[in-house]
């Protein structure tokens, strides 16, 4: 589920979903704001795969573990560029 495979598209993987989430983090956002952003993209057909909130949190955990996002003192997450 983390990486795409022959039977799993990039959009369906946490790797691909994480890339989508990073693209949305042009400015720091609260987790709830990012979740609402994803739900809007999904409901408008701009992101075709439905993820649960738990899967969304796992994707954020993955991004944090690999150092792609950070959380500031106000609780907003942002894209960490190294």
PDB file of N, CA and C in Angstrom:
ATOM      1  N   UNK A   1       0.818  -1.200   0.000  1.00  0.00           N
ATOM      2  CA  UNK A   1       0.000   0.000   0.000  1.00  0.00           C
ATOM      3  C   UNK A   1       0.862   1.265   0.000  1.00  0.00           C
ATOM      4  N   UNK A   2       2.072   1.160   0.522  1.00  0.00           N
ATOM      5  CA  UNK A   2       2.907   2.358   0.567  1.00  0.00           C
ATOM      6  C   UNK A   2       3.439   2.697  -0.815  1.00  0.00           C
ATOM      7  N   UNK A   3       3.994   1.713  -1.498  1.00  0.00           N
ATOM      8  CA  UNK A   3       4.561   1.948  -2.824  1.00  0.00           C
ATOM      9  C   UNK A   3       3.663   1.361  -3.909  1.00  0.00           C
ATOM     10  N   UNK A   4       3.662   1.977  -5.088  1.00  0.00           N
ATOM     11  CA  UNK A   4       2.871   1.415  -6.187  1.00  0.00           C
ATOM     12  C   UNK A   4       3.433   0.073  -6.634  1.00  0.00           C
ATOM     13  N   UNK A   5       2.559  -0.768  -7.137  1.00  0.00           N
ATOM     14  CA  UNK A   5       2.949  -2.080  -7.662  1.00  0.00           C
ATOM     15  C   UNK A   5       2.247  -2.275  -8.991  1.00  0.00           C
ATOM     16  N   UNK A   6       2.398  -3.444  -9.542  1.00  0.00           N
ATOM     17  CA  UNK A   6       1.766  -3.741 -10.826  1.00  0.00           C
ATOM     18  C   UNK A   6       0.247  -3.578 -10.736  1.00  0.00           C
ATOM     19  N   UNK A   7      -0.357  -4.015  -9.625  1.00  0.00           N
ATOM     20  CA  UNK A   7      -1.802  -3.939  -9.463  1.00  0.00           C
ATOM     21  C   UNK A   7      -2.256  -2.708  -8.679  1.00  0.00           C
ATOM     22  N   UNK A   8      -1.342  -1.850  -8.280  1.00  0.00           N
ATOM     23  CA  UNK A   8      -1.655  -0.683  -7.461  1.00  0.00           C
ATOM     24  C   UNK A   8      -1.071   0.560  -8.128  1.00  0.00           C
ATOM     25  N   UNK A   9      -1.940   1.479  -8.505  1.00  0.00           N
ATOM     26  CA  UNK A   9      -1.460   2.692  -9.177  1.00  0.00           C
ATOM     27  C   UNK A   9      -0.763   3.619  -8.179  1.00  0.00           C
ATOM     28  N   UNK A  10      -0.047   4.580  -8.709  1.00  0.00           N
ATOM     29  CA  UNK A  10       0.628   5.557  -7.850  1.00  0.00           C
ATOM     30  C   UNK A  10      -0.388   6.306  -7.002  1.00  0.00           C
ATOM     31  N   UNK A  11      -1.516   6.721  -7.589  1.00  0.00           N
ATOM     32  CA  UNK A  11      -2.538   7.449  -6.833  1.00  0.00           C
ATOM     33  C   UNK A  11      -3.083   6.648  -5.662  1.00  0.00           C
ATOM     34  N   UNK A  12      -3.102   5.333  -5.773  1.00  0.00           N
ATOM     35  CA  UNK A  12      -3.644   4.478  -4.718  1.00  0.00           C
ATOM     36  C   UNK A  12      -2.639   4.189  -3.609  1.00  0.00           C
ATOM     37  N   UNK A  13      -1.388   4.556  -3.802  1.00  0.00           N
ATOM     38  CA  UNK A  13      -0.345   4.288  -2.807  1.00  0.00           C
ATOM     39  C   UNK A  13      -0.162   5.495  -1.884  1.00  0.00           C
ATOM     40  N   UNK A  14       0.371   5.237  -0.682  1.00  0.00           N
ATOM     41  CA  UNK A  14       0.690   6.340   0.225  1.00  0.00           C
ATOM     42  C   UNK A  14       1.773   7.221  -0.371  1.00  0.00           C
ATOM     43  N   UNK A  15       2.642   6.624  -1.146  1.00  0.00           N
ATOM     44  CA  UNK A  15       3.707   7.370  -1.815  1.00  0.00           C
ATOM     45  C   UNK A  15       3.109   8.422  -2.746  1.00  0.00           C
ATOM     46  N   UNK A  16       2.161   8.016  -3.571  1.00  0.00           N
ATOM     47  CA  UNK A  16       1.501   8.945  -4.486  1.00  0.00           C
ATOM     48  C   UNK A  16       0.604   9.929  -3.767  1.00  0.00           C
ATOM     49  N   UNK A  17      -0.146   9.432  -2.768  1.00  0.00           N
ATOM     50  CA  UNK A  17      -1.027  10.307  -1.989  1.00  0.00           C
ATOM     51  C   UNK A  17      -0.197  11.339  -1.235  1.00  0.00           C
ATOM     52  N   UNK A  18       0.964  10.908  -0.725  1.00  0.00           N
ATOM     53  CA  UNK A  18       1.858  11.843  -0.047  1.00  0.00           C
ATOM     54  C   UNK A  18       2.333  12.942  -0.979  1.00  0.00           C
ATOM     55  N   UNK A  19       2.633  12.590  -2.216  1.00  0.00           N
ATOM     56  CA  UNK A  19       3.022  13.598  -3.207  1.00  0.00           C
ATOM     57  C   UNK A  19       1.908  14.592  -3.461  1.00  0.00           C
ATOM     58  N   UNK A  20       0.679  14.090  -3.537  1.00  0.00           N
ATOM     59  CA  UNK A  20      -0.481  14.975  -3.697  1.00  0.00           C
ATOM     60  C   UNK A  20      -0.580  15.930  -2.507  1.00  0.00           C
ATOM     61  N   UNK A  21      -0.433  15.404  -1.294  1.00  0.00           N
ATOM     62  CA  UNK A  21      -0.538  16.242  -0.096  1.00  0.00           C
ATOM     63  C   UNK A  21       0.560  17.298  -0.068  1.00  0.00           C
ATOM     64  N   UNK A  22       1.783  16.914  -0.441  1.00  0.00           N
ATOM     65  CA  UNK A  22       2.877  17.890  -0.475  1.00  0.00           C
ATOM     66  C   UNK A  22       2.581  19.016  -1.456  1.00  0.00           C
ATOM     67  N   UNK A  23       1.986  18.677  -2.574  1.00  0.00           N
ATOM     68  CA  UNK A  23       1.655  19.688  -3.582  1.00  0.00           C
ATOM     69  C   UNK A  23       0.654  20.706  -3.034  1.00  0.00           C
ATOM     70  N   UNK A  24      -0.217  20.268  -2.124  1.00  0.00           N
ATOM     71  CA  UNK A  24      -1.219  21.166  -1.554  1.00  0.00           C
ATOM     72  C   UNK A  24      -0.627  22.081  -0.482  1.00  0.00           C
ATOM     73  N   UNK A  25       0.533  21.733   0.029  1.00  0.00           N
ATOM     74  CA  UNK A  25       1.146  22.507   1.111  1.00  0.00           C
ATOM     75  C   UNK A  25       1.987  23.663   0.577  1.00  0.00           C
ATOM     76  N   UNK A  26       1.401  24.475  -0.279  1.00  0.00           N
ATOM     77  CA  UNK A  26       2.082  25.671  -0.779  1.00  0.00           C
ATOM     78  C   UNK A  26       2.270  26.688   0.347  1.00  0.00           C
ATOM     79  N   UNK A  27       1.375  26.618   1.326  1.00  0.00           N
ATOM     80  CA  UNK A  27       1.471  27.434   2.536  1.00  0.00           C
ATOM     81  C   UNK A  27       1.159  26.519   3.716  1.00  0.00           C
ATOM     82  N   UNK A  28       1.668  26.840   4.917  1.00  0.00           N
ATOM     83  CA  UNK A  28       1.385  25.987   6.075  1.00  0.00           C
ATOM     84  C   UNK A  28      -0.119  25.860   6.325  1.00  0.00           C
ATOM     85  N   UNK A  29      -0.556  24.661   6.692  1.00  0.00           N
ATOM     86  CA  UNK A  29      -1.971  24.378   6.946  1.00  0.00           C
ATOM     87  C   UNK A  29      -2.110  23.531   8.197  1.00  0.00           C
ATOM     88  N   UNK A  30      -3.266  23.660   8.843  1.00  0.00           N
ATOM     89  CA  UNK A  30      -3.628  22.731   9.899  1.00  0.00           C
ATOM     90  C   UNK A  30      -3.996  21.401   9.261  1.00  0.00           C
ATOM     91  N   UNK A  31      -3.886  20.334  10.021  1.00  0.00           N
ATOM     92  CA  UNK A  31      -4.228  19.008   9.503  1.00  0.00           C
ATOM     93  C   UNK A  31      -5.665  18.996   8.989  1.00  0.00           C
ATOM     94  N   UNK A  32      -6.583  19.604   9.745  1.00  0.00           N
ATOM     95  CA  UNK A  32      -7.991  19.645   9.326  1.00  0.00           C
ATOM     96  C   UNK A  32      -8.169  20.383   8.003  1.00  0.00           C
ATOM     97  N   UNK A  33      -7.415  21.457   7.800  1.00  0.00           N
ATOM     98  CA  UNK A  33      -7.505  22.208   6.543  1.00  0.00           C
ATOM     99  C   UNK A  33      -7.024  21.363   5.367  1.00  0.00           C
ATOM    100  N   UNK A  34      -5.946  20.629   5.573  1.00  0.00           N
ATOM    101  CA  UNK A  34      -5.421  19.769   4.509  1.00  0.00           C
ATOM    102  C   UNK A  34      -6.397  18.634   4.206  1.00  0.00           C
ATOM    103  N   UNK A  35      -7.027  18.078   5.236  1.00  0.00           N
ATOM    104  CA  UNK A  35      -8.029  17.025   5.050  1.00  0.00           C
ATOM    105  C   UNK A  35      -9.209  17.564   4.238  1.00  0.00           C
ATOM    106  N   UNK A  36      -9.685  18.757   4.571  1.00  0.00           N
ATOM    107  CA  UNK A  36     -10.796  19.369   3.831  1.00  0.00           C
ATOM    108  C   UNK A  36     -10.395  19.636   2.382  1.00  0.00           C
ATOM    109  N   UNK A  37      -9.163  20.048   2.171  1.00  0.00           N
ATOM    110  CA  UNK A  37      -8.652  20.281   0.816  1.00  0.00           C
ATOM    111  C   UNK A  37      -8.698  18.985   0.014  1.00  0.00           C
ATOM    112  N   UNK A  38      -8.212  17.888   0.615  1.00  0.00           N
ATOM    113  CA  UNK A  38      -8.255  16.593  -0.071  1.00  0.00           C
ATOM    114  C   UNK A  38      -9.695  16.187  -0.372  1.00  0.00           C
ATOM    115  N   UNK A  39     -10.601  16.326   0.609  1.00  0.00           N
ATOM    116  CA  UNK A  39     -11.998  15.929   0.395  1.00  0.00           C
ATOM    117  C   UNK A  39     -12.633  16.731  -0.735  1.00  0.00           C
ATOM    118  N   UNK A  40     -12.272  18.001  -0.849  1.00  0.00           N
ATOM    119  CA  UNK A  40     -12.787  18.835  -1.944  1.00  0.00           C
ATOM    120  C   UNK A  40     -12.269  18.334  -3.293  1.00  0.00           C
ATOM    121  N   UNK A  41     -10.985  18.030  -3.372  1.00  0.00           N
ATOM    122  CA  UNK A  41     -10.420  17.487  -4.615  1.00  0.00           C
ATOM    123  C   UNK A  41     -11.093  16.172  -4.980  1.00  0.00           C
ATOM    124  N   UNK A  42     -11.313  15.302  -3.977  1.00  0.00           N
ATOM    125  CA  UNK A  42     -11.946  14.007  -4.235  1.00  0.00           C
ATOM    126  C   UNK A  42     -13.388  14.193  -4.709  1.00  0.00           C
ATOM    127  N   UNK A  43     -14.139  15.056  -4.041  1.00  0.00           N
ATOM    128  CA  UNK A  43     -15.551  15.238  -4.407  1.00  0.00           C
ATOM    129  C   UNK A  43     -15.709  15.901  -5.769  1.00  0.00           C
ATOM    130  N   UNK A  44     -14.727  16.683  -6.199  1.00  0.00           N
ATOM    131  CA  UNK A  44     -14.773  17.320  -7.520  1.00  0.00           C
ATOM    132  C   UNK A  44     -14.168  16.443  -8.614  1.00  0.00           C
ATOM    133  N   UNK A  45     -13.720  15.249  -8.250  1.00  0.00           N
ATOM    134  CA  UNK A  45     -13.135  14.332  -9.224  1.00  0.00           C
ATOM    135  C   UNK A  45     -11.714  14.667  -9.625  1.00  0.00           C
ATOM    136  N   UNK A  46     -11.059  15.574  -8.892  1.00  0.00           N
ATOM    137  CA  UNK A  46      -9.684  15.952  -9.225  1.00  0.00           C
ATOM    138  C   UNK A  46      -8.662  14.993  -8.623  1.00  0.00           C
ATOM    139  N   UNK A  47      -9.089  14.178  -7.655  1.00  0.00           N
ATOM    140  CA  UNK A  47      -8.274  13.076  -7.125  1.00  0.00           C
ATOM    141  C   UNK A  47      -9.194  11.879  -7.055  1.00  0.00           C
ATOM    142  N   UNK A  48      -8.854  10.838  -7.776  1.00  0.00           N
ATOM    143  CA  UNK A  48      -9.812   9.756  -8.015  1.00  0.00           C
ATOM    144  C   UNK A  48      -9.877   8.681  -6.936  1.00  0.00           C
ATOM    145  N   UNK A  49      -8.958   8.681  -5.990  1.00  0.00           N
ATOM    146  CA  UNK A  49      -8.913   7.613  -4.993  1.00  0.00           C
ATOM    147  C   UNK A  49      -9.434   8.125  -3.656  1.00  0.00           C
ATOM    148  N   UNK A  50     -10.318   7.331  -3.044  1.00  0.00           N
ATOM    149  CA  UNK A  50     -10.873   7.706  -1.744  1.00  0.00           C
ATOM    150  C   UNK A  50     -10.017   7.103  -0.637  1.00  0.00           C
ATOM    151  N   UNK A  51      -9.513   7.960   0.235  1.00  0.00           N
ATOM    152  CA  UNK A  51      -8.759   7.540   1.408  1.00  0.00           C
ATOM    153  C   UNK A  51      -9.560   7.890   2.654  1.00  0.00           C
ATOM    154  N   UNK A  52      -9.478   7.046   3.671  1.00  0.00           N
ATOM    155  CA  UNK A  52     -10.123   7.342   4.951  1.00  0.00           C
ATOM    156  C   UNK A  52      -9.248   8.338   5.718  1.00  0.00           C
ATOM    157  N   UNK A  53      -9.810   8.895   6.796  1.00  0.00           N
ATOM    158  CA  UNK A  53      -9.035   9.814   7.616  1.00  0.00           C
ATOM    159  C   UNK A  53      -7.839   9.088   8.235  1.00  0.00           C
ATOM    160  N   UNK A  54      -8.021   7.835   8.631  1.00  0.00           N
ATOM    161  CA  UNK A  54      -6.907   7.053   9.186  1.00  0.00           C
ATOM    162  C   UNK A  54      -5.784   6.888   8.166  1.00  0.00           C
ATOM    163  N   UNK A  55      -6.141   6.623   6.925  1.00  0.00           N
ATOM    164  CA  UNK A  55      -5.129   6.490   5.868  1.00  0.00           C
ATOM    165  C   UNK A  55      -4.449   7.832   5.599  1.00  0.00           C
ATOM    166  N   UNK A  56      -5.210   8.912   5.680  1.00  0.00           N
ATOM    167  CA  UNK A  56      -4.669  10.263   5.531  1.00  0.00           C
ATOM    168  C   UNK A  56      -3.605  10.514   6.607  1.00  0.00           C
ATOM    169  N   UNK A  57      -3.925  10.152   7.851  1.00  0.00           N
ATOM    170  CA  UNK A  57      -2.974  10.335   8.952  1.00  0.00           C
ATOM    171  C   UNK A  57      -1.737   9.463   8.744  1.00  0.00           C
ATOM    172  N   UNK A  58      -1.928   8.238   8.261  1.00  0.00           N
ATOM    173  CA  UNK A  58      -0.772   7.372   7.980  1.00  0.00           C
ATOM    174  C   UNK A  58       0.112   7.979   6.893  1.00  0.00           C
ATOM    175  N   UNK A  59      -0.492   8.615   5.889  1.00  0.00           N
ATOM    176  CA  UNK A  59       0.291   9.275   4.837  1.00  0.00           C
ATOM    177  C   UNK A  59       1.077  10.445   5.427  1.00  0.00           C
ATOM    178  N   UNK A  60       0.447  11.207   6.340  1.00  0.00           N
ATOM    179  CA  UNK A  60       1.161  12.303   6.998  1.00  0.00           C
ATOM    180  C   UNK A  60       2.297  11.762   7.866  1.00  0.00           C
ATOM    181  N   UNK A  61       2.048  10.663   8.568  1.00  0.00           N
ATOM    182  CA  UNK A  61       3.110  10.029   9.365  1.00  0.00           C
ATOM    183  C   UNK A  61       4.288   9.649   8.475  1.00  0.00           C
ATOM    184  N   UNK A  62       3.988   9.051   7.340  1.00  0.00           N
ATOM    185  CA  UNK A  62       5.023   8.655   6.376  1.00  0.00           C
ATOM    186  C   UNK A  62       5.835   9.878   5.935  1.00  0.00           C
ATOM    187  N   UNK A  63       5.142  10.967   5.602  1.00  0.00           N
ATOM    188  CA  UNK A  63       5.835  12.184   5.166  1.00  0.00           C
ATOM    189  C   UNK A  63       6.704  12.764   6.281  1.00  0.00           C
ATOM    190  N   UNK A  64       6.209  12.697   7.509  1.00  0.00           N
ATOM    191  CA  UNK A  64       6.983  13.201   8.644  1.00  0.00           C
ATOM    192  C   UNK A  64       8.231  12.342   8.878  1.00  0.00           C
ATOM    193  N   UNK A  65       8.058  11.035   8.820  1.00  0.00           N
ATOM    194  CA  UNK A  65       9.175  10.113   9.063  1.00  0.00           C
ATOM    195  C   UNK A  65      10.297  10.301   8.042  1.00  0.00           C
ATOM    196  N   UNK A  66       9.933  10.553   6.789  1.00  0.00           N
ATOM    197  CA  UNK A  66      10.970  10.735   5.765  1.00  0.00           C
ATOM    198  C   UNK A  66      11.478  12.178   5.707  1.00  0.00           C
ATOM    199  N   UNK A  67      10.966  13.045   6.595  1.00  0.00           N
ATOM    200  CA  UNK A  67      11.449  14.417   6.680  1.00  0.00           C
ATOM    201  C   UNK A  67      10.884  15.360   5.637  1.00  0.00           C
ATOM    202  N   UNK A  68       9.756  15.010   5.043  1.00  0.00           N
ATOM    203  CA  UNK A  68       9.171  15.844   3.989  1.00  0.00           C
ATOM    204  C   UNK A  68       8.280  16.955   4.538  1.00  0.00           C
ATOM    205  N   UNK A  69       7.756  16.781   5.762  1.00  0.00           N
ATOM    206  CA  UNK A  69       6.922  17.813   6.378  1.00  0.00           C
ATOM    207  C   UNK A  69       7.405  18.063   7.800  1.00  0.00           C
ATOM    208  N   UNK A  70       7.040  19.231   8.305  1.00  0.00           N
ATOM    209  CA  UNK A  70       7.321  19.571   9.699  1.00  0.00           C
ATOM    210  C   UNK A  70       6.093  20.265  10.275  1.00  0.00           C
ATOM    211  N   UNK A  71       6.023  20.320  11.592  1.00  0.00           N
ATOM    212  CA  UNK A  71       4.914  20.968  12.295  1.00  0.00           C
ATOM    213  C   UNK A  71       5.474  22.155  13.059  1.00  0.00           C
ATOM    214  N   UNK A  72       4.822  23.314  12.937  1.00  0.00           N
ATOM    215  CA  UNK A  72       5.307  24.495  13.645  1.00  0.00           C
ATOM    216  C   UNK A  72       4.636  24.617  15.016  1.00  0.00           C
ATOM    217  N   UNK A  73       4.987  25.677  15.739  1.00  0.00           N
ATOM    218  CA  UNK A  73       4.481  25.869  17.097  1.00  0.00           C
ATOM    219  C   UNK A  73       2.976  26.138  17.148  1.00  0.00           C
ATOM    220  N   UNK A  74       2.376  26.541  16.040  1.00  0.00           N
ATOM    221  CA  UNK A  74       0.924  26.778  15.986  1.00  0.00           C
ATOM    222  C   UNK A  74       0.160  25.532  15.558  1.00  0.00           C
ATOM    223  N   UNK A  75       0.885  24.441  15.294  1.00  0.00           N
ATOM    224  CA  UNK A  75       0.243  23.194  14.890  1.00  0.00           C
ATOM    225  C   UNK A  75       0.038  23.057  13.399  1.00  0.00           C
ATOM    226  N   UNK A  76       0.566  24.004  12.621  1.00  0.00           N
ATOM    227  CA  UNK A  76       0.432  23.920  11.165  1.00  0.00           C
ATOM    228  C   UNK A  76       1.562  23.078  10.590  1.00  0.00           C
ATOM    229  N   UNK A  77       1.229  22.333   9.548  1.00  0.00           N
ATOM    230  CA  UNK A  77       2.248  21.528   8.883  1.00  0.00           C
ATOM    231  C   UNK A  77       2.669  22.219   7.593  1.00  0.00           C
ATOM    232  N   UNK A  78       3.917  22.033   7.250  1.00  0.00           N
ATOM    233  CA  UNK A  78       4.434  22.647   6.028  1.00  0.00           C
ATOM    234  C   UNK A  78       5.411  21.697   5.360  1.00  0.00           C
ATOM    235  N   UNK A  79       5.644  21.952   4.099  1.00  0.00           N
ATOM    236  CA  UNK A  79       6.566  21.175   3.277  1.00  0.00           C
ATOM    237  C   UNK A  79       7.978  21.525   3.715  1.00  0.00           C
ATOM    238  N   UNK A  80       8.741  20.543   4.133  1.00  0.00           N
ATOM    239  CA  UNK A  80      10.119  20.735   4.582  1.00  0.00           C
ATOM    240  C   UNK A  80      11.052  20.497   3.412  1.00  0.00           C
ATOM    241  N   UNK A  81      11.710  21.542   2.956  1.00  0.00           N
ATOM    242  CA  UNK A  81      12.640  21.427   1.836  1.00  0.00           C
ATOM    243  C   UNK A  81      14.052  21.373   2.398  1.00  0.00           C
ATOM    244  N   UNK A  82      14.742  20.287   2.126  1.00  0.00           N
ATOM    245  CA  UNK A  82      16.130  20.132   2.608  1.00  0.00           C
ATOM    246  C   UNK A  82      17.099  20.376   1.490  1.00  0.00           C
TER     247      UNK A  82
END
